[in-house]
């Protein structure tokens, strides 16, 4: 029967298309779903499914799994300038000897102005990016959270003049993307 598509009969005798190939590359599918959601986080699952040639249920299940595995989040991003936060600063922190760095991290992550906090190697232990409404607001932030704190030995501040690139989307098609949800890609 070369050249004919195989079909299966359901309980009522109606002809059904063959089941989908279960060997779909889940990693490629995940990457393509994420790429579409990066273009438009509100894109309907039906549109994604049509674009990728899979069922809406498949898209719904893949997205749910990616969210559950903390691979992606879907959320609105507020632009700081829209709320009067026009001043962006970077602060580098040297934690005092004998201080609990995890306690310093916990304290700083709870501060609303801190939007990015990293542990670093080198002269400083922590790097922190913050948004403020003015220079005075930044000075008050430093006075409240950095200056005079017994667990902070030193800080270095840096005012951001202009953000030239802030990449929030990832290229998931490149060879360097070996993992997109689930297990390591073979």
N, C-alpha and C. Protein backbone atom coordinates (compact mmCIF):
# COMPACT_ATOMS: atom_id res chain seq x y z
N UNK A 1 0.82 -1.19 0.00
CA UNK A 1 0.00 0.00 0.00
C UNK A 1 0.86 1.25 0.00
N UNK A 2 1.90 1.24 -0.75
CA UNK A 2 2.79 2.38 -0.81
C UNK A 2 2.05 3.60 -1.33
N UNK A 3 2.36 4.74 -0.78
CA UNK A 3 1.78 5.98 -1.23
C UNK A 3 0.46 6.33 -0.55
N UNK A 4 -0.13 5.44 0.22
CA UNK A 4 -1.39 5.74 0.91
C UNK A 4 -1.10 6.07 2.37
N UNK A 5 -1.84 7.03 2.90
CA UNK A 5 -1.72 7.37 4.31
C UNK A 5 -2.46 6.34 5.13
N UNK A 6 -1.83 5.90 6.19
CA UNK A 6 -2.49 4.97 7.09
C UNK A 6 -3.54 5.71 7.90
N UNK A 7 -4.64 5.03 8.16
CA UNK A 7 -5.68 5.60 9.01
C UNK A 7 -6.08 4.56 10.02
N UNK A 8 -6.74 5.02 11.07
CA UNK A 8 -7.27 4.10 12.07
C UNK A 8 -8.76 4.32 12.15
N UNK A 9 -9.49 3.31 12.54
CA UNK A 9 -10.94 3.42 12.68
C UNK A 9 -11.28 3.56 14.14
N UNK A 10 -12.17 4.52 14.45
CA UNK A 10 -12.61 4.64 15.83
C UNK A 10 -13.75 3.68 16.08
N UNK A 11 -14.31 3.71 17.27
CA UNK A 11 -15.36 2.77 17.67
C UNK A 11 -16.59 2.88 16.80
N UNK A 12 -16.83 4.04 16.18
CA UNK A 12 -18.00 4.22 15.33
C UNK A 12 -17.70 3.87 13.88
N UNK A 13 -16.48 3.43 13.59
CA UNK A 13 -16.11 3.05 12.24
C UNK A 13 -15.66 4.22 11.38
N UNK A 14 -15.55 5.41 11.98
CA UNK A 14 -15.11 6.59 11.22
C UNK A 14 -13.60 6.55 11.08
N UNK A 15 -13.14 7.00 9.95
CA UNK A 15 -11.72 7.03 9.68
C UNK A 15 -11.07 8.20 10.42
N UNK A 16 -9.97 7.96 11.10
CA UNK A 16 -9.23 8.98 11.85
C UNK A 16 -7.82 9.08 11.30
N UNK A 17 -7.21 10.26 11.36
CA UNK A 17 -5.81 10.37 10.93
C UNK A 17 -4.93 9.58 11.89
N UNK A 18 -3.75 9.17 11.43
CA UNK A 18 -2.86 8.41 12.32
C UNK A 18 -2.43 9.26 13.50
N UNK A 19 -2.09 8.65 14.63
CA UNK A 19 -1.63 9.44 15.77
C UNK A 19 -0.37 10.21 15.41
N UNK A 20 -0.18 11.35 16.10
CA UNK A 20 1.01 12.17 15.83
C UNK A 20 2.27 11.40 16.19
N UNK A 21 3.33 11.74 15.49
CA UNK A 21 4.63 11.14 15.77
C UNK A 21 5.05 11.55 17.17
N UNK A 22 5.26 10.59 18.05
CA UNK A 22 5.61 10.88 19.43
C UNK A 22 7.09 11.19 19.61
N UNK A 23 7.85 11.17 18.53
CA UNK A 23 9.28 11.45 18.64
C UNK A 23 9.59 12.93 18.43
N UNK A 24 8.60 13.80 18.65
CA UNK A 24 8.79 15.24 18.50
C UNK A 24 9.94 15.67 19.40
N UNK A 25 10.81 16.51 18.88
CA UNK A 25 11.94 17.03 19.66
C UNK A 25 11.39 18.04 20.66
N UNK A 26 11.22 17.60 21.91
CA UNK A 26 10.63 18.44 22.96
C UNK A 26 11.45 19.70 23.18
N UNK A 27 12.76 19.59 23.09
CA UNK A 27 13.62 20.74 23.33
C UNK A 27 13.44 21.79 22.23
N UNK A 28 13.33 21.34 20.99
CA UNK A 28 13.10 22.28 19.89
C UNK A 28 11.71 22.91 20.04
N UNK A 29 10.72 22.11 20.40
CA UNK A 29 9.37 22.63 20.59
C UNK A 29 9.35 23.66 21.72
N UNK A 30 9.98 23.35 22.84
CA UNK A 30 10.07 24.31 23.95
C UNK A 30 10.70 25.62 23.48
N UNK A 31 11.80 25.52 22.76
CA UNK A 31 12.50 26.71 22.28
C UNK A 31 11.62 27.55 21.38
N UNK A 32 10.88 26.91 20.50
CA UNK A 32 10.02 27.64 19.57
C UNK A 32 8.85 28.28 20.31
N UNK A 33 8.29 27.59 21.29
CA UNK A 33 7.20 28.16 22.09
C UNK A 33 7.71 29.40 22.84
N UNK A 34 8.87 29.27 23.48
CA UNK A 34 9.44 30.38 24.24
C UNK A 34 9.73 31.56 23.31
N UNK A 35 10.28 31.29 22.13
CA UNK A 35 10.58 32.36 21.18
C UNK A 35 9.31 33.13 20.81
N UNK A 36 8.22 32.43 20.58
CA UNK A 36 6.96 33.10 20.25
C UNK A 36 6.42 33.89 21.43
N UNK A 37 6.52 33.34 22.63
CA UNK A 37 6.05 34.06 23.82
C UNK A 37 6.92 35.27 24.13
N UNK A 38 8.21 35.22 23.76
CA UNK A 38 9.07 36.38 23.95
C UNK A 38 8.66 37.52 23.01
N UNK A 39 8.14 37.18 21.84
CA UNK A 39 7.64 38.20 20.91
C UNK A 39 6.37 38.83 21.43
N UNK A 40 5.49 38.00 22.02
CA UNK A 40 4.21 38.48 22.54
C UNK A 40 3.77 37.53 23.65
N UNK A 41 3.95 37.94 24.88
CA UNK A 41 3.61 37.10 26.03
C UNK A 41 2.12 36.82 26.16
N UNK A 42 1.29 37.55 25.41
CA UNK A 42 -0.15 37.33 25.46
C UNK A 42 -0.64 36.53 24.26
N UNK A 43 0.29 36.00 23.46
CA UNK A 43 -0.11 35.25 22.27
C UNK A 43 -0.97 34.05 22.68
N UNK A 44 -2.15 33.89 22.07
CA UNK A 44 -3.01 32.76 22.42
C UNK A 44 -2.35 31.42 22.09
N UNK A 45 -2.63 30.43 22.91
CA UNK A 45 -2.09 29.09 22.67
C UNK A 45 -2.51 28.57 21.31
N UNK A 46 -3.72 28.92 20.87
CA UNK A 46 -4.20 28.46 19.56
C UNK A 46 -3.33 29.02 18.43
N UNK A 47 -2.87 30.26 18.57
CA UNK A 47 -2.00 30.87 17.56
C UNK A 47 -0.64 30.19 17.55
N UNK A 48 -0.10 29.94 18.74
CA UNK A 48 1.19 29.25 18.85
C UNK A 48 1.08 27.86 18.24
N UNK A 49 0.00 27.15 18.57
CA UNK A 49 -0.20 25.79 18.06
C UNK A 49 -0.24 25.79 16.54
N UNK A 50 -0.97 26.72 15.97
CA UNK A 50 -1.08 26.80 14.51
C UNK A 50 0.27 27.09 13.89
N UNK A 51 1.00 28.03 14.48
CA UNK A 51 2.33 28.40 13.98
C UNK A 51 3.29 27.21 13.99
N UNK A 52 3.20 26.38 15.03
CA UNK A 52 4.14 25.28 15.21
C UNK A 52 3.64 23.95 14.68
N UNK A 53 2.38 23.89 14.28
CA UNK A 53 1.84 22.65 13.74
C UNK A 53 1.60 21.57 14.79
N UNK A 54 1.23 22.00 15.99
CA UNK A 54 0.90 21.05 17.07
C UNK A 54 -0.46 21.43 17.62
N UNK A 55 -0.98 20.60 18.51
CA UNK A 55 -2.29 20.90 19.09
C UNK A 55 -2.19 21.98 20.15
N UNK A 56 -3.31 22.65 20.37
CA UNK A 56 -3.37 23.66 21.43
C UNK A 56 -3.09 23.03 22.79
N UNK A 57 -3.57 21.81 23.00
CA UNK A 57 -3.31 21.10 24.26
C UNK A 57 -1.83 20.84 24.48
N UNK A 58 -1.11 20.54 23.40
CA UNK A 58 0.33 20.33 23.50
C UNK A 58 1.01 21.62 23.96
N UNK A 59 0.62 22.74 23.36
CA UNK A 59 1.20 24.04 23.74
C UNK A 59 0.87 24.33 25.20
N UNK A 60 -0.38 24.15 25.58
CA UNK A 60 -0.80 24.42 26.95
C UNK A 60 0.01 23.57 27.93
N UNK A 61 0.18 22.29 27.64
CA UNK A 61 0.94 21.40 28.52
C UNK A 61 2.41 21.77 28.59
N UNK A 62 3.02 22.12 27.43
CA UNK A 62 4.45 22.49 27.41
C UNK A 62 4.66 23.78 28.21
N UNK A 63 3.78 24.77 28.01
CA UNK A 63 3.92 26.04 28.74
C UNK A 63 3.76 25.80 30.24
N UNK A 64 2.77 25.02 30.63
CA UNK A 64 2.56 24.73 32.06
C UNK A 64 3.80 24.06 32.64
N UNK A 65 4.39 23.10 31.92
CA UNK A 65 5.57 22.41 32.42
C UNK A 65 6.76 23.37 32.50
N UNK A 66 6.93 24.24 31.51
CA UNK A 66 8.03 25.21 31.54
C UNK A 66 7.89 26.17 32.73
N UNK A 67 6.66 26.56 33.03
CA UNK A 67 6.42 27.42 34.19
C UNK A 67 6.69 26.65 35.47
N UNK A 68 6.17 25.42 35.57
CA UNK A 68 6.35 24.60 36.78
C UNK A 68 7.81 24.29 37.05
N UNK A 69 8.63 24.15 35.99
CA UNK A 69 10.06 23.85 36.13
C UNK A 69 10.91 25.10 36.28
N UNK A 70 10.26 26.27 36.40
CA UNK A 70 10.96 27.55 36.54
C UNK A 70 11.89 27.84 35.38
N UNK A 71 11.48 27.43 34.18
CA UNK A 71 12.23 27.76 32.97
C UNK A 71 11.77 29.12 32.45
N UNK A 72 10.47 29.41 32.55
CA UNK A 72 9.92 30.69 32.11
C UNK A 72 8.93 31.22 33.13
N UNK A 73 8.69 32.50 33.05
CA UNK A 73 7.56 33.13 33.73
C UNK A 73 6.88 33.99 32.68
N UNK A 74 5.62 34.21 32.86
CA UNK A 74 4.88 35.09 31.97
C UNK A 74 4.31 36.18 32.84
N UNK A 75 4.76 37.42 32.58
CA UNK A 75 4.35 38.53 33.43
C UNK A 75 4.48 39.83 32.68
N UNK A 76 3.83 40.85 33.19
CA UNK A 76 3.96 42.20 32.63
C UNK A 76 5.21 42.83 33.21
N UNK A 77 5.91 43.57 32.39
CA UNK A 77 7.10 44.27 32.85
C UNK A 77 6.80 45.76 32.93
N UNK A 78 6.88 46.31 34.11
CA UNK A 78 6.64 47.75 34.28
C UNK A 78 7.94 48.49 34.00
N UNK A 79 7.85 49.55 33.25
CA UNK A 79 9.02 50.37 32.95
C UNK A 79 9.21 51.36 34.10
N UNK A 80 10.38 51.34 34.76
CA UNK A 80 10.60 52.19 35.94
C UNK A 80 10.33 53.68 35.69
N UNK A 81 10.68 54.16 34.51
CA UNK A 81 10.50 55.58 34.20
C UNK A 81 9.03 56.00 34.27
N UNK A 82 8.14 55.08 33.95
CA UNK A 82 6.71 55.38 33.98
C UNK A 82 6.21 55.67 35.39
N UNK A 83 6.98 55.27 36.39
CA UNK A 83 6.60 55.46 37.79
C UNK A 83 7.52 56.46 38.49
N UNK A 84 8.27 57.23 37.70
CA UNK A 84 9.11 58.28 38.26
C UNK A 84 10.49 57.81 38.70
N UNK A 85 10.87 56.58 38.39
CA UNK A 85 12.19 56.07 38.76
C UNK A 85 13.13 56.27 37.58
N UNK A 86 13.70 57.47 37.51
CA UNK A 86 14.54 57.85 36.38
C UNK A 86 16.03 57.72 36.66
N UNK A 87 16.38 57.35 37.86
CA UNK A 87 17.78 57.30 38.28
C UNK A 87 18.16 55.86 38.57
N UNK A 88 19.14 55.35 37.84
CA UNK A 88 19.58 53.97 37.96
C UNK A 88 21.02 53.98 38.50
N UNK A 89 21.28 53.15 39.50
CA UNK A 89 22.62 53.12 40.09
C UNK A 89 23.09 51.69 40.28
N UNK A 90 24.40 51.55 40.33
CA UNK A 90 25.02 50.28 40.67
C UNK A 90 25.83 50.50 41.93
N UNK A 91 25.73 49.56 42.84
CA UNK A 91 26.46 49.65 44.10
C UNK A 91 27.17 48.33 44.33
N UNK A 92 28.45 48.40 44.64
CA UNK A 92 29.23 47.21 44.91
C UNK A 92 29.54 47.17 46.40
N UNK A 93 29.39 45.99 47.01
CA UNK A 93 29.45 45.86 48.47
C UNK A 93 30.50 44.85 48.88
N UNK A 94 31.34 45.26 49.83
CA UNK A 94 32.29 44.36 50.50
C UNK A 94 31.68 44.03 51.85
N UNK A 95 31.35 42.76 52.05
CA UNK A 95 30.75 42.33 53.31
C UNK A 95 31.84 42.28 54.38
N UNK A 96 31.50 42.73 55.59
CA UNK A 96 32.46 42.77 56.70
C UNK A 96 32.91 41.35 57.06
N UNK A 97 34.18 41.23 57.44
CA UNK A 97 34.71 39.94 57.88
C UNK A 97 33.91 39.40 59.05
N UNK A 98 33.58 38.15 59.01
CA UNK A 98 32.81 37.52 60.08
C UNK A 98 31.31 37.72 59.97
N UNK A 99 30.86 38.57 59.04
CA UNK A 99 29.42 38.80 58.87
C UNK A 99 28.81 37.66 58.06
N UNK A 100 27.54 37.45 58.25
CA UNK A 100 26.80 36.42 57.53
C UNK A 100 26.33 37.00 56.20
N UNK A 101 27.01 36.61 55.10
CA UNK A 101 26.68 37.16 53.79
C UNK A 101 25.25 36.83 53.39
N UNK A 102 24.75 35.66 53.80
CA UNK A 102 23.37 35.29 53.47
C UNK A 102 22.36 36.24 54.14
N UNK A 103 22.69 36.71 55.33
CA UNK A 103 21.82 37.66 56.02
C UNK A 103 21.83 39.01 55.29
N UNK A 104 23.00 39.43 54.80
CA UNK A 104 23.09 40.68 54.03
C UNK A 104 22.26 40.55 52.75
N UNK A 105 22.40 39.41 52.07
CA UNK A 105 21.64 39.17 50.83
C UNK A 105 20.14 39.19 51.13
N UNK A 106 19.71 38.52 52.18
CA UNK A 106 18.29 38.48 52.53
C UNK A 106 17.76 39.89 52.82
N UNK A 107 18.54 40.68 53.54
CA UNK A 107 18.11 42.04 53.87
C UNK A 107 17.96 42.89 52.60
N UNK A 108 18.95 42.82 51.72
CA UNK A 108 18.93 43.66 50.52
C UNK A 108 17.89 43.20 49.50
N UNK A 109 17.65 41.91 49.40
CA UNK A 109 16.64 41.44 48.44
C UNK A 109 15.23 41.88 48.85
N UNK A 110 15.04 42.19 50.11
CA UNK A 110 13.71 42.63 50.56
C UNK A 110 13.46 44.12 50.31
N UNK A 111 14.47 44.85 49.87
CA UNK A 111 14.34 46.29 49.63
C UNK A 111 13.74 46.53 48.24
N UNK A 112 12.63 47.25 48.14
CA UNK A 112 11.94 47.42 46.85
C UNK A 112 12.79 48.04 45.74
N UNK A 113 13.69 48.95 46.06
CA UNK A 113 14.50 49.62 45.02
C UNK A 113 15.51 48.68 44.37
N UNK A 114 15.84 47.58 45.02
CA UNK A 114 16.83 46.63 44.49
C UNK A 114 16.14 45.74 43.46
N UNK A 115 16.59 45.82 42.20
CA UNK A 115 16.00 44.97 41.18
C UNK A 115 16.95 43.90 40.69
N UNK A 116 18.21 43.97 41.10
CA UNK A 116 19.20 42.99 40.65
C UNK A 116 20.28 42.91 41.71
N UNK A 117 20.52 41.71 42.23
CA UNK A 117 21.54 41.52 43.26
C UNK A 117 22.31 40.26 42.92
N UNK A 118 23.64 40.39 42.86
CA UNK A 118 24.47 39.25 42.49
C UNK A 118 25.60 39.05 43.50
N UNK A 119 26.00 37.80 43.67
CA UNK A 119 27.23 37.49 44.40
C UNK A 119 28.36 37.54 43.38
N UNK A 120 29.48 38.12 43.77
CA UNK A 120 30.57 38.30 42.82
C UNK A 120 31.89 37.82 43.42
N UNK A 121 32.85 37.59 42.56
CA UNK A 121 34.22 37.30 42.97
C UNK A 121 35.06 38.52 42.66
N UNK A 122 36.09 38.74 43.44
CA UNK A 122 36.93 39.91 43.21
C UNK A 122 36.92 40.82 44.41
N UNK A 123 37.09 42.09 44.15
CA UNK A 123 37.21 43.07 45.23
C UNK A 123 35.94 43.20 46.06
N UNK A 124 34.78 42.97 45.46
CA UNK A 124 33.51 43.09 46.17
C UNK A 124 32.80 41.75 46.20
N UNK A 125 31.96 41.59 47.22
CA UNK A 125 31.22 40.34 47.41
C UNK A 125 29.86 40.36 46.72
N UNK A 126 29.27 41.55 46.62
CA UNK A 126 27.94 41.69 46.05
C UNK A 126 27.90 42.85 45.06
N UNK A 127 27.08 42.68 44.02
CA UNK A 127 26.80 43.75 43.08
C UNK A 127 25.30 43.98 43.08
N UNK A 128 24.89 45.23 43.13
CA UNK A 128 23.47 45.54 43.28
C UNK A 128 23.10 46.65 42.30
N UNK A 129 22.00 46.46 41.59
CA UNK A 129 21.46 47.49 40.71
C UNK A 129 20.14 47.97 41.31
N UNK A 130 19.96 49.27 41.33
CA UNK A 130 18.77 49.86 41.94
C UNK A 130 18.21 50.98 41.08
N UNK A 131 16.92 51.25 41.25
CA UNK A 131 16.26 52.39 40.61
C UNK A 131 15.82 53.36 41.69
N UNK A 132 15.91 54.66 41.39
CA UNK A 132 15.55 55.70 42.35
C UNK A 132 14.85 56.85 41.63
N UNK A 133 14.14 57.66 42.40
CA UNK A 133 13.43 58.79 41.83
C UNK A 133 14.34 60.00 41.66
N UNK A 134 15.44 60.05 42.42
CA UNK A 134 16.34 61.20 42.33
C UNK A 134 17.67 60.84 42.98
N UNK A 135 18.63 61.75 42.87
CA UNK A 135 19.92 61.57 43.56
C UNK A 135 19.68 61.51 45.07
N UNK A 136 18.79 62.37 45.56
CA UNK A 136 18.50 62.41 47.00
C UNK A 136 17.87 61.08 47.46
N UNK A 137 17.02 60.52 46.65
CA UNK A 137 16.41 59.23 46.98
C UNK A 137 17.49 58.14 47.07
N UNK A 138 18.48 58.18 46.17
CA UNK A 138 19.58 57.22 46.21
C UNK A 138 20.43 57.43 47.47
N UNK A 139 20.71 58.69 47.81
CA UNK A 139 21.49 58.97 49.02
C UNK A 139 20.77 58.43 50.25
N UNK A 140 19.45 58.64 50.31
CA UNK A 140 18.66 58.13 51.45
C UNK A 140 18.67 56.60 51.47
N UNK A 141 18.62 55.98 50.30
CA UNK A 141 18.70 54.52 50.19
C UNK A 141 20.03 54.02 50.77
N UNK A 142 21.14 54.65 50.37
CA UNK A 142 22.45 54.25 50.87
C UNK A 142 22.55 54.44 52.38
N UNK A 143 22.02 55.56 52.88
CA UNK A 143 22.06 55.83 54.32
C UNK A 143 21.26 54.78 55.10
N UNK A 144 20.15 54.37 54.55
CA UNK A 144 19.29 53.41 55.25
C UNK A 144 19.78 51.97 55.16
N UNK A 145 20.41 51.61 54.03
CA UNK A 145 20.69 50.19 53.81
C UNK A 145 22.17 49.82 53.70
N UNK A 146 23.05 50.81 53.58
CA UNK A 146 24.47 50.50 53.38
C UNK A 146 25.38 51.19 54.40
N UNK A 147 25.33 52.52 54.46
CA UNK A 147 26.20 53.26 55.36
C UNK A 147 25.91 52.90 56.81
N UNK A 148 26.96 52.67 57.57
CA UNK A 148 26.81 52.42 59.01
C UNK A 148 26.30 51.03 59.36
N UNK A 149 26.12 50.16 58.38
CA UNK A 149 25.67 48.80 58.68
C UNK A 149 26.89 47.99 59.14
N UNK A 150 26.80 47.32 60.30
CA UNK A 150 27.96 46.59 60.82
C UNK A 150 28.39 45.41 59.95
N UNK A 151 27.50 44.91 59.09
CA UNK A 151 27.87 43.76 58.25
C UNK A 151 28.39 44.18 56.87
N UNK A 152 28.51 45.50 56.63
CA UNK A 152 29.06 46.01 55.37
C UNK A 152 30.35 46.76 55.66
N UNK A 153 31.46 46.26 55.08
CA UNK A 153 32.77 46.87 55.32
C UNK A 153 33.01 48.06 54.40
N UNK A 154 32.57 47.97 53.14
CA UNK A 154 32.83 49.04 52.17
C UNK A 154 31.83 48.94 51.03
N UNK A 155 31.58 50.10 50.40
CA UNK A 155 30.76 50.12 49.19
C UNK A 155 31.43 51.00 48.16
N UNK A 156 31.10 50.76 46.92
CA UNK A 156 31.51 51.65 45.83
C UNK A 156 30.27 51.88 44.99
N UNK A 157 29.99 53.14 44.69
CA UNK A 157 28.78 53.47 43.95
C UNK A 157 29.11 53.90 42.53
N UNK A 158 28.13 53.74 41.69
CA UNK A 158 28.30 54.09 40.28
C UNK A 158 26.94 54.49 39.73
N UNK A 159 26.84 55.71 39.25
CA UNK A 159 25.59 56.17 38.66
C UNK A 159 25.54 55.74 37.20
N UNK A 160 24.42 55.19 36.78
CA UNK A 160 24.25 54.78 35.39
C UNK A 160 23.78 55.99 34.60
N UNK A 161 24.55 56.40 33.60
CA UNK A 161 24.18 57.54 32.78
C UNK A 161 23.13 57.17 31.74
N UNK A 162 23.31 56.00 31.11
CA UNK A 162 22.39 55.57 30.07
C UNK A 162 22.51 54.06 29.92
N UNK A 163 21.38 53.39 29.78
CA UNK A 163 21.37 51.95 29.50
C UNK A 163 21.37 51.80 27.98
N UNK A 164 22.42 51.18 27.45
CA UNK A 164 22.54 51.02 26.01
C UNK A 164 21.96 49.69 25.53
N UNK A 165 21.96 48.71 26.39
CA UNK A 165 21.39 47.42 26.02
C UNK A 165 20.90 46.73 27.28
N UNK A 166 19.67 46.26 27.22
CA UNK A 166 19.11 45.47 28.30
C UNK A 166 18.37 44.32 27.63
N UNK A 167 19.03 43.21 27.49
CA UNK A 167 18.47 42.08 26.77
C UNK A 167 17.66 41.22 27.72
N UNK A 168 16.38 41.11 27.44
CA UNK A 168 15.50 40.30 28.27
C UNK A 168 15.01 39.07 27.52
N UNK A 169 15.39 38.95 26.25
CA UNK A 169 15.00 37.80 25.45
C UNK A 169 16.24 36.99 25.11
N UNK A 170 16.06 35.68 25.03
CA UNK A 170 17.16 34.77 24.78
C UNK A 170 17.03 34.15 23.40
N UNK A 171 18.16 33.98 22.72
CA UNK A 171 18.20 33.26 21.45
C UNK A 171 18.31 31.78 21.79
N UNK A 172 17.24 31.07 21.58
CA UNK A 172 17.18 29.66 21.97
C UNK A 172 17.47 28.73 20.81
N UNK A 173 17.82 29.27 19.66
CA UNK A 173 18.08 28.42 18.50
C UNK A 173 19.57 28.13 18.33
N UNK A 174 20.44 28.90 18.97
CA UNK A 174 21.88 28.73 18.80
C UNK A 174 22.39 27.42 19.37
N UNK A 175 23.57 27.03 18.92
CA UNK A 175 24.17 25.78 19.38
C UNK A 175 24.49 25.79 20.87
N UNK A 176 24.66 26.97 21.44
CA UNK A 176 25.00 27.06 22.85
C UNK A 176 23.82 26.79 23.77
N UNK A 177 22.63 26.69 23.23
CA UNK A 177 21.43 26.41 24.04
C UNK A 177 21.22 24.91 24.11
N UNK A 178 21.83 24.29 25.07
CA UNK A 178 21.73 22.84 25.21
C UNK A 178 20.59 22.42 26.13
N UNK A 179 19.99 23.35 26.85
CA UNK A 179 18.96 22.99 27.82
C UNK A 179 17.83 24.01 27.76
N UNK A 180 16.65 23.54 27.49
CA UNK A 180 15.47 24.39 27.50
C UNK A 180 14.38 23.59 28.17
N UNK A 181 14.42 23.55 29.48
CA UNK A 181 13.42 22.79 30.24
C UNK A 181 13.72 21.32 30.18
N UNK A 182 13.40 20.65 31.23
CA UNK A 182 13.62 19.21 31.27
C UNK A 182 15.07 18.86 31.46
N UNK A 183 15.46 17.74 30.89
CA UNK A 183 16.83 17.20 31.06
C UNK A 183 17.78 17.76 30.04
N UNK A 184 19.06 17.50 30.26
CA UNK A 184 20.08 17.94 29.31
C UNK A 184 19.77 17.39 27.92
N UNK A 185 20.02 18.21 26.95
CA UNK A 185 19.79 17.81 25.56
C UNK A 185 20.95 16.93 25.10
N UNK A 186 20.66 15.83 24.41
CA UNK A 186 21.74 14.94 23.93
C UNK A 186 22.60 15.60 22.89
